[in-house]
Amino acid sequence: MKLSVVIPTRNRPDSLHRLLETLARQTCLPDEVIVVDSSDVAAEPGELGRRHPGLNLLHVASEPSVCAQRNLGVRQARGAYVFLCDDDMEVPPDYVSLLVAHLDAHPDVAAVSGIVVDRGPGGDDRTEFPVSSLGDLCFRFLFQLPIWGGVDGIETGAPGKLPYAFLKRYYARRANGLSAAGWPVITSFSAPFFRTRIWSLGASIIRRDALGPSPYDEGLDEFGIGDNYDVSLKLAGRRPIAVLTQARVYHHKAAENRLASSQASFRRTLALHYFLVKHPSFSRWNRLLFAWSIVGRLLEAWRARDPGRALAARRILRLVVTGRNPYVVAHRSGVRAAAPVLEP
């Protein structure tokens, strides 16, 4: 089965070369590697091929837009499988072979990924963030907020046993899907793999026929924040993405061409609301619950005495309820969104 790798890159030559070196060491070599480059200073023709002679490389110039770059690479890809990989990943030698073998063995899976381990500033090896208390679980249920970790094992007294049993059953039905407000609810991380509705696709292999010609929404801003959510929703099936717990890929979070985490979180939340408006599977009720979930976010920030998060939540809530979310406005006008900025 032919495998194409698609790598969008911009102003990160060192990160890109590290990734290409790790791809050249794979036990299952890709048939082609398509680098879609929007760097300010373009690489010289043939430079990547000379530095990485073990790879069948195609270097394509593009405008600076992550979504447009990924779409261009997907359209160029000739493989039945497409490895979509961010340029600041480091791929262990058996990573590709593990993912390809899983796709071969499970024809009902549209995409497969490993566990992404952050190696950038402040990164750690944690993959789960379990809910710590029954009170926290009740709060997340009330506001339909995201969960990224197990809900079992919470200690509770006799008065809490009945509500806890109800919530465990509720989240078992929602497991690895979405809350009613559209947030990811990932509560099962079982080995050797689990399936999910939503996952980061920055180091995933996807069946080419599941992607279509332009899977990424080019109406997003040039950083493409939130694009993985949109592509996940387009994949057929209730839980179309498999995640292999033994396959790990390292994300270095290159500082070049990277938004501050507060700005990225602000845009990601507005992008989620945009997709709730855009996708026909979501109703007005889902969008109302999303606004309600932002009230929960605001209360969380106040409780944590975090004025920055509180400011972001207030501004998101105002943009959503007034119909001025820049992504939604741009979509209705048929243009690319001007990047929303969280002012200090």
Protein backbone atom coordinates (compact mmCIF):
# COMPACT_ATOMS: atom_id res chain seq x y z
CA MET A 1 0.00 0.00 0.00
CA LYS A 2 1.57 3.31 -1.08
CA LEU A 3 2.19 5.94 1.59
CA SER A 4 2.51 9.67 0.96
CA VAL A 5 3.77 12.08 3.63
CA VAL A 6 2.46 15.67 3.59
CA ILE A 7 4.43 18.25 5.62
CA PRO A 8 3.41 21.92 5.71
CA THR A 9 6.31 24.11 6.85
CA ARG A 10 7.12 27.78 7.35
CA ASN A 11 10.39 29.30 8.60
CA ARG A 12 11.46 26.17 10.51
CA PRO A 13 14.36 24.69 8.52
CA ASP A 14 16.03 23.02 11.51
CA SER A 15 12.80 21.36 12.65
CA LEU A 16 12.02 20.26 9.11
CA HIS A 17 15.45 18.65 8.62
CA ARG A 18 15.12 16.81 11.94
CA LEU A 19 11.75 15.41 10.87
CA LEU A 20 13.06 14.35 7.45
CA GLU A 21 16.02 12.61 9.09
CA THR A 22 13.64 10.58 11.28
CA LEU A 23 11.46 9.72 8.27
CA ALA A 24 14.52 8.41 6.44
CA ARG A 25 15.15 6.04 9.37
CA GLN A 26 11.67 4.48 9.34
CA THR A 27 11.43 0.69 9.16
CA CYS A 28 8.58 1.31 6.70
CA LEU A 29 9.85 3.98 4.31
CA PRO A 30 7.26 6.29 2.71
CA ASP A 31 6.87 6.17 -1.06
CA GLU A 32 6.91 9.96 -1.33
CA VAL A 33 7.39 12.96 0.95
CA ILE A 34 5.67 16.20 -0.08
CA VAL A 35 7.01 19.32 1.65
CA VAL A 36 4.69 22.31 1.14
CA ASP A 37 6.77 25.34 2.00
CA SER A 38 5.62 28.90 2.70
CA SER A 39 8.86 30.14 4.24
CA ASP A 40 9.91 33.76 3.80
CA VAL A 41 13.19 32.56 2.28
CA ALA A 42 12.54 29.67 -0.08
CA ALA A 43 14.91 26.71 -0.07
CA GLU A 44 17.12 26.34 -3.13
CA PRO A 45 15.81 23.88 -5.75
CA GLY A 46 16.99 20.37 -4.95
CA GLU A 47 18.43 21.30 -1.52
CA LEU A 48 16.12 19.00 0.47
CA GLY A 49 16.78 16.11 -1.89
CA ARG A 50 20.54 16.53 -1.58
CA ARG A 51 20.38 16.58 2.22
CA HIS A 52 17.99 13.62 2.43
CA PRO A 53 18.83 11.32 -0.50
CA GLY A 54 17.03 8.34 1.06
CA LEU A 55 13.64 9.99 0.58
CA ASN A 56 11.59 10.55 -2.59
CA LEU A 57 11.05 14.26 -1.98
CA LEU A 58 8.79 16.78 -3.68
CA HIS A 59 9.26 20.40 -2.58
CA VAL A 60 6.29 22.67 -3.37
CA ALA A 61 5.98 26.42 -2.75
CA SER A 62 2.76 27.77 -1.26
CA GLU A 63 1.10 30.80 0.26
CA PRO A 64 1.42 31.08 4.06
CA SER A 65 -1.69 29.21 5.19
CA VAL A 66 -1.45 25.87 7.02
CA CYS A 67 -4.83 24.71 5.70
CA ALA A 68 -4.06 25.70 2.10
CA GLN A 69 -0.65 24.00 2.40
CA ARG A 70 -2.15 20.76 3.68
CA ASN A 71 -4.80 20.77 0.95
CA LEU A 72 -2.15 21.34 -1.72
CA GLY A 73 -0.12 18.44 -0.38
CA VAL A 74 -3.14 16.12 -0.19
CA ARG A 75 -4.05 16.89 -3.80
CA GLN A 76 -0.49 16.05 -4.87
CA ALA A 77 -0.41 12.80 -2.88
CA ARG A 78 -0.52 9.55 -4.89
CA GLY A 79 -0.59 7.10 -1.99
CA ALA A 80 -3.66 5.30 -0.69
CA TYR A 81 -2.51 6.36 2.77
CA VAL A 82 -1.53 9.94 3.65
CA PHE A 83 0.71 10.67 6.63
CA LEU A 84 -0.14 14.22 7.73
CA CYS A 85 2.77 15.39 9.83
CA ASP A 86 3.63 18.74 11.43
CA ASP A 87 7.15 19.92 10.69
CA ASP A 88 8.30 20.00 14.34
CA MET A 89 7.62 16.31 15.05
CA GLU A 90 10.25 13.67 15.74
CA VAL A 91 9.12 10.23 14.53
CA PRO A 92 10.57 7.05 16.13
CA PRO A 93 11.76 4.38 13.62
CA ASP A 94 8.77 2.03 14.07
CA TYR A 95 6.07 4.71 14.17
CA VAL A 96 4.97 4.55 10.53
CA SER A 97 5.05 0.74 10.40
CA LEU A 98 2.83 0.48 13.50
CA LEU A 99 0.24 2.88 12.08
CA VAL A 100 0.21 1.32 8.61
CA ALA A 101 -0.18 -2.19 10.06
CA HIS A 102 -3.19 -1.04 12.08
CA LEU A 103 -4.87 0.53 9.05
CA ASP A 104 -4.22 -2.64 7.03
CA ALA A 105 -5.80 -4.79 9.75
CA HIS A 106 -8.81 -2.54 10.45
CA PRO A 107 -10.54 -1.46 7.22
CA ASP A 108 -13.32 0.31 9.16
CA VAL A 109 -10.85 2.83 10.63
CA ALA A 110 -10.43 6.07 8.65
CA ALA A 111 -7.37 7.38 10.46
CA VAL A 112 -4.78 6.22 12.97
CA SER A 113 -2.44 8.17 15.22
CA GLY A 114 -0.02 7.53 18.03
CA ILE A 115 0.26 9.39 21.31
CA VAL A 116 1.80 12.84 20.83
CA VAL A 117 4.28 13.65 23.60
CA ASP A 118 5.21 17.31 24.03
CA ARG A 119 8.93 17.98 24.20
CA GLY A 120 8.70 21.76 23.97
CA PRO A 121 8.93 24.28 26.84
CA GLY A 122 6.74 23.11 29.69
CA GLY A 123 5.94 19.81 27.97
CA ASP A 124 5.63 16.50 29.73
CA ASP A 125 4.78 12.89 28.97
CA ARG A 126 1.23 12.94 30.34
CA THR A 127 -1.51 11.81 27.97
CA GLU A 128 -4.45 11.92 30.38
CA PHE A 129 -5.78 14.58 32.73
CA PRO A 130 -8.29 12.65 34.89
CA VAL A 131 -11.13 14.45 36.66
CA SER A 132 -9.99 14.94 40.26
CA SER A 133 -13.24 15.04 42.22
CA LEU A 134 -16.98 14.46 42.03
CA GLY A 135 -17.49 18.21 42.32
CA ASP A 136 -15.30 18.84 39.27
CA LEU A 137 -17.11 16.10 37.33
CA CYS A 138 -20.52 17.60 38.23
CA PHE A 139 -19.28 21.05 37.16
CA ARG A 140 -18.10 19.71 33.79
CA PHE A 141 -21.39 17.90 33.28
CA LEU A 142 -23.43 20.99 34.18
CA PHE A 143 -21.58 23.19 31.69
CA GLN A 144 -20.84 20.39 29.15
CA LEU A 145 -17.13 21.18 29.28
CA PRO A 146 -14.33 19.03 27.82
CA ILE A 147 -12.84 16.04 29.60
CA TRP A 148 -9.46 14.58 28.63
CA GLY A 149 -8.97 11.70 31.06
CA GLY A 150 -10.72 8.94 32.95
CA VAL A 151 -13.70 9.49 35.24
CA ASP A 152 -13.30 6.26 37.23
CA GLY A 153 -11.64 6.00 40.60
CA ILE A 154 -13.09 9.15 42.17
CA GLU A 155 -13.53 8.71 45.92
CA THR A 156 -16.93 9.79 47.21
CA GLY A 157 -19.01 9.38 50.32
CA ALA A 158 -22.43 7.75 50.56
CA PRO A 159 -24.41 10.89 49.46
CA GLY A 160 -22.37 11.09 46.26
CA LYS A 161 -22.61 7.46 45.16
CA LEU A 162 -25.88 7.82 43.23
CA PRO A 163 -24.93 10.96 41.24
CA TYR A 164 -21.48 9.50 40.61
CA ALA A 165 -22.98 6.28 39.24
CA PHE A 166 -25.24 8.34 36.94
CA LEU A 167 -22.34 10.45 35.66
CA LYS A 168 -20.15 7.40 35.02
CA ARG A 169 -22.91 5.83 32.91
CA TYR A 170 -23.46 9.13 31.09
CA TYR A 171 -19.79 9.52 30.18
CA ALA A 172 -19.49 5.84 29.25
CA ARG A 173 -22.11 6.53 26.57
CA ARG A 174 -20.32 9.73 25.50
CA ALA A 175 -16.88 8.12 25.73
CA ASN A 176 -14.40 9.46 23.20
CA GLY A 177 -17.02 11.58 21.52
CA LEU A 178 -18.35 15.09 22.07
CA SER A 179 -20.18 16.88 24.83
CA ALA A 180 -23.55 18.41 23.94
CA ALA A 181 -21.70 21.73 23.67
CA GLY A 182 -19.27 20.28 21.10
CA TRP A 183 -16.20 19.88 23.32
CA PRO A 184 -14.12 16.68 23.14
CA VAL A 185 -14.94 14.09 25.81
CA ILE A 186 -12.04 11.60 25.80
CA THR A 187 -12.42 9.29 28.80
CA SER A 188 -11.11 5.92 27.56
CA PHE A 189 -7.39 5.49 26.88
CA SER A 190 -7.38 1.69 26.87
CA ALA A 191 -4.35 -0.24 25.51
CA PRO A 192 -3.25 -1.35 22.97
CA PHE A 193 -5.49 1.12 21.13
CA PHE A 194 -8.69 3.06 21.54
CA ARG A 195 -11.05 4.76 19.12
CA THR A 196 -12.25 8.32 19.25
CA ARG A 197 -14.30 10.90 17.38
CA ILE A 198 -11.79 13.73 17.79
CA TRP A 199 -8.01 13.69 17.99
CA SER A 200 -5.02 15.77 17.04
CA LEU A 201 -4.10 14.80 13.47
CA GLY A 202 -0.62 16.38 13.44
CA ALA A 203 1.05 12.95 13.26
CA SER A 204 -1.62 10.70 11.79
CA ILE A 205 -2.07 8.46 8.77
CA ILE A 206 -5.43 8.79 7.02
CA ARG A 207 -6.94 6.85 4.15
CA ARG A 208 -6.71 9.03 1.04
CA ASP A 209 -10.30 8.28 0.02
CA ALA A 210 -11.53 9.51 3.43
CA LEU A 211 -10.00 12.96 2.92
CA GLY A 212 -11.39 14.23 -0.37
CA PRO A 213 -9.56 16.86 -2.46
CA SER A 214 -9.63 19.75 0.06
CA PRO A 215 -10.26 18.43 3.58
CA TYR A 216 -8.97 21.50 5.42
CA ASP A 217 -11.04 24.66 5.78
CA GLU A 218 -9.09 27.46 4.09
CA GLY A 219 -11.40 30.06 5.61
CA LEU A 220 -9.48 29.76 8.88
CA ASP A 221 -6.62 32.14 9.56
CA GLU A 222 -3.13 31.27 8.33
CA PHE A 223 -2.24 29.31 11.49
CA GLY A 224 -5.17 26.96 10.88
CA ILE A 225 -6.06 26.76 14.58
CA GLY A 226 -8.88 24.23 15.04
CA ASP A 227 -8.40 22.53 11.67
CA ASN A 228 -8.03 19.02 13.16
CA TYR A 229 -11.47 19.28 14.76
CA ASP A 230 -13.05 20.06 11.41
CA VAL A 231 -11.32 17.20 9.56
CA SER A 232 -12.20 14.75 12.35
CA LEU A 233 -15.87 15.66 12.01
CA LYS A 234 -15.77 14.94 8.27
CA LEU A 235 -14.49 11.37 8.73
CA ALA A 236 -17.22 8.75 8.41
CA GLY A 237 -18.20 6.77 11.49
CA ARG A 238 -19.00 7.45 15.12
CA ARG A 239 -15.38 6.94 16.27
CA PRO A 240 -13.30 6.83 13.07
CA ILE A 241 -9.85 7.52 14.57
CA ALA A 242 -7.74 4.83 16.22
CA VAL A 243 -4.99 5.85 18.65
CA LEU A 244 -2.20 3.35 19.33
CA THR A 245 -1.00 3.68 22.90
CA GLN A 246 2.36 1.99 22.20
CA ALA A 247 3.19 4.34 19.29
CA ARG A 248 4.60 7.64 20.50
CA VAL A 249 5.71 10.63 18.49
CA TYR A 250 7.57 13.61 19.91
CA HIS A 251 6.35 17.18 19.40
CA HIS A 252 9.10 19.76 19.90
CA LYS A 253 6.76 22.77 19.63
CA ALA A 254 9.17 24.92 17.65
CA ALA A 255 9.10 28.53 18.79
CA GLU A 256 9.31 29.89 15.23
CA ASN A 257 5.96 30.75 13.68
CA ARG A 258 4.04 29.74 16.83
CA LEU A 259 1.28 31.65 18.57
CA ALA A 260 1.39 32.29 22.30
CA SER A 261 -0.67 29.65 24.10
CA SER A 262 -3.25 32.21 25.25
CA GLN A 263 -3.80 33.42 21.68
CA ALA A 264 -3.99 29.84 20.36
CA SER A 265 -6.56 28.88 23.01
CA PHE A 266 -8.63 31.99 22.21
CA ARG A 267 -8.69 31.21 18.49
CA ARG A 268 -9.27 27.47 19.04
CA THR A 269 -12.40 28.19 21.09
CA LEU A 270 -13.79 30.60 18.48
CA ALA A 271 -12.99 28.03 15.77
CA LEU A 272 -14.96 25.40 17.68
CA HIS A 273 -17.99 27.70 17.72
CA TYR A 274 -17.52 28.30 14.00
CA PHE A 275 -17.62 24.57 13.30
CA LEU A 276 -20.78 24.23 15.40
CA VAL A 277 -22.34 26.82 13.08
CA LYS A 278 -20.90 25.32 9.91
CA HIS A 279 -21.56 21.59 10.33
CA PRO A 280 -25.18 20.50 9.76
CA SER A 281 -24.93 17.78 12.42
CA PHE A 282 -25.05 20.49 15.12
CA SER A 283 -28.25 22.29 16.09
CA ARG A 284 -29.12 25.62 17.64
CA TRP A 285 -29.35 23.75 20.93
CA ASN A 286 -25.68 22.70 20.63
CA ARG A 287 -24.68 26.29 19.95
CA LEU A 288 -26.67 27.57 22.95
CA LEU A 289 -24.98 24.99 25.14
CA PHE A 290 -21.62 26.08 23.77
CA ALA A 291 -22.31 29.65 24.94
CA TRP A 292 -23.38 28.22 28.30
CA SER A 293 -20.09 26.28 28.48
CA ILE A 294 -18.17 29.55 28.10
CA VAL A 295 -19.98 30.80 31.20
CA GLY A 296 -18.51 27.73 32.89
CA ARG A 297 -15.08 28.63 31.56
CA LEU A 298 -15.50 32.11 33.01
CA LEU A 299 -16.44 30.70 36.42
CA GLU A 300 -13.41 28.38 36.27
CA ALA A 301 -11.15 31.37 35.62
CA TRP A 302 -12.65 33.36 38.48
CA ARG A 303 -12.29 30.40 40.83
CA ALA A 304 -8.63 30.02 39.79
CA ARG A 305 -8.10 33.79 40.12
CA ASP A 306 -6.79 33.88 36.56
CA PRO A 307 -7.66 37.29 35.06
CA GLY A 308 -6.20 36.41 31.65
CA ARG A 309 -8.46 33.37 31.21
CA ALA A 310 -11.42 35.34 32.54
CA LEU A 311 -10.81 38.11 30.00
CA ALA A 312 -10.60 35.58 27.17
CA ALA A 313 -13.84 33.89 28.25
CA ARG A 314 -15.70 37.21 28.46
CA ARG A 315 -14.56 38.23 24.98
CA ILE A 316 -15.43 34.86 23.49
CA LEU A 317 -18.87 34.97 25.07
CA ARG A 318 -19.48 38.48 23.72
CA LEU A 319 -18.36 37.56 20.18
CA VAL A 320 -20.52 34.43 20.19
CA VAL A 321 -23.77 35.90 21.55
CA THR A 322 -23.54 39.03 19.37
CA GLY A 323 -22.88 37.02 16.18
CA ARG A 324 -19.48 38.64 15.64
CA ASN A 325 -17.22 35.60 15.77
CA PRO A 326 -14.70 36.53 13.01
CA TYR A 327 -14.62 32.96 11.64
CA VAL A 328 -18.41 32.84 11.28
CA VAL A 329 -18.58 36.33 9.75
CA ALA A 330 -15.84 35.50 7.23
CA HIS A 331 -17.48 32.18 6.32
CA ARG A 332 -20.77 33.88 5.55
CA SER A 333 -18.91 36.45 3.44
CA GLY A 334 -16.93 33.78 1.58
CA VAL A 335 -13.51 35.09 2.60
CA ARG A 336 -10.63 33.97 4.84
CA ALA A 337 -11.00 35.12 8.43
CA ALA A 338 -8.94 37.96 9.77
CA ALA A 339 -7.09 36.39 12.69
CA PRO A 340 -8.89 37.23 15.95
CA VAL A 341 -6.52 38.68 18.53
CA LEU A 342 -6.91 38.54 22.28
CA GLU A 343 -5.86 42.03 23.34
CA PRO A 344 -3.99 42.31 26.64
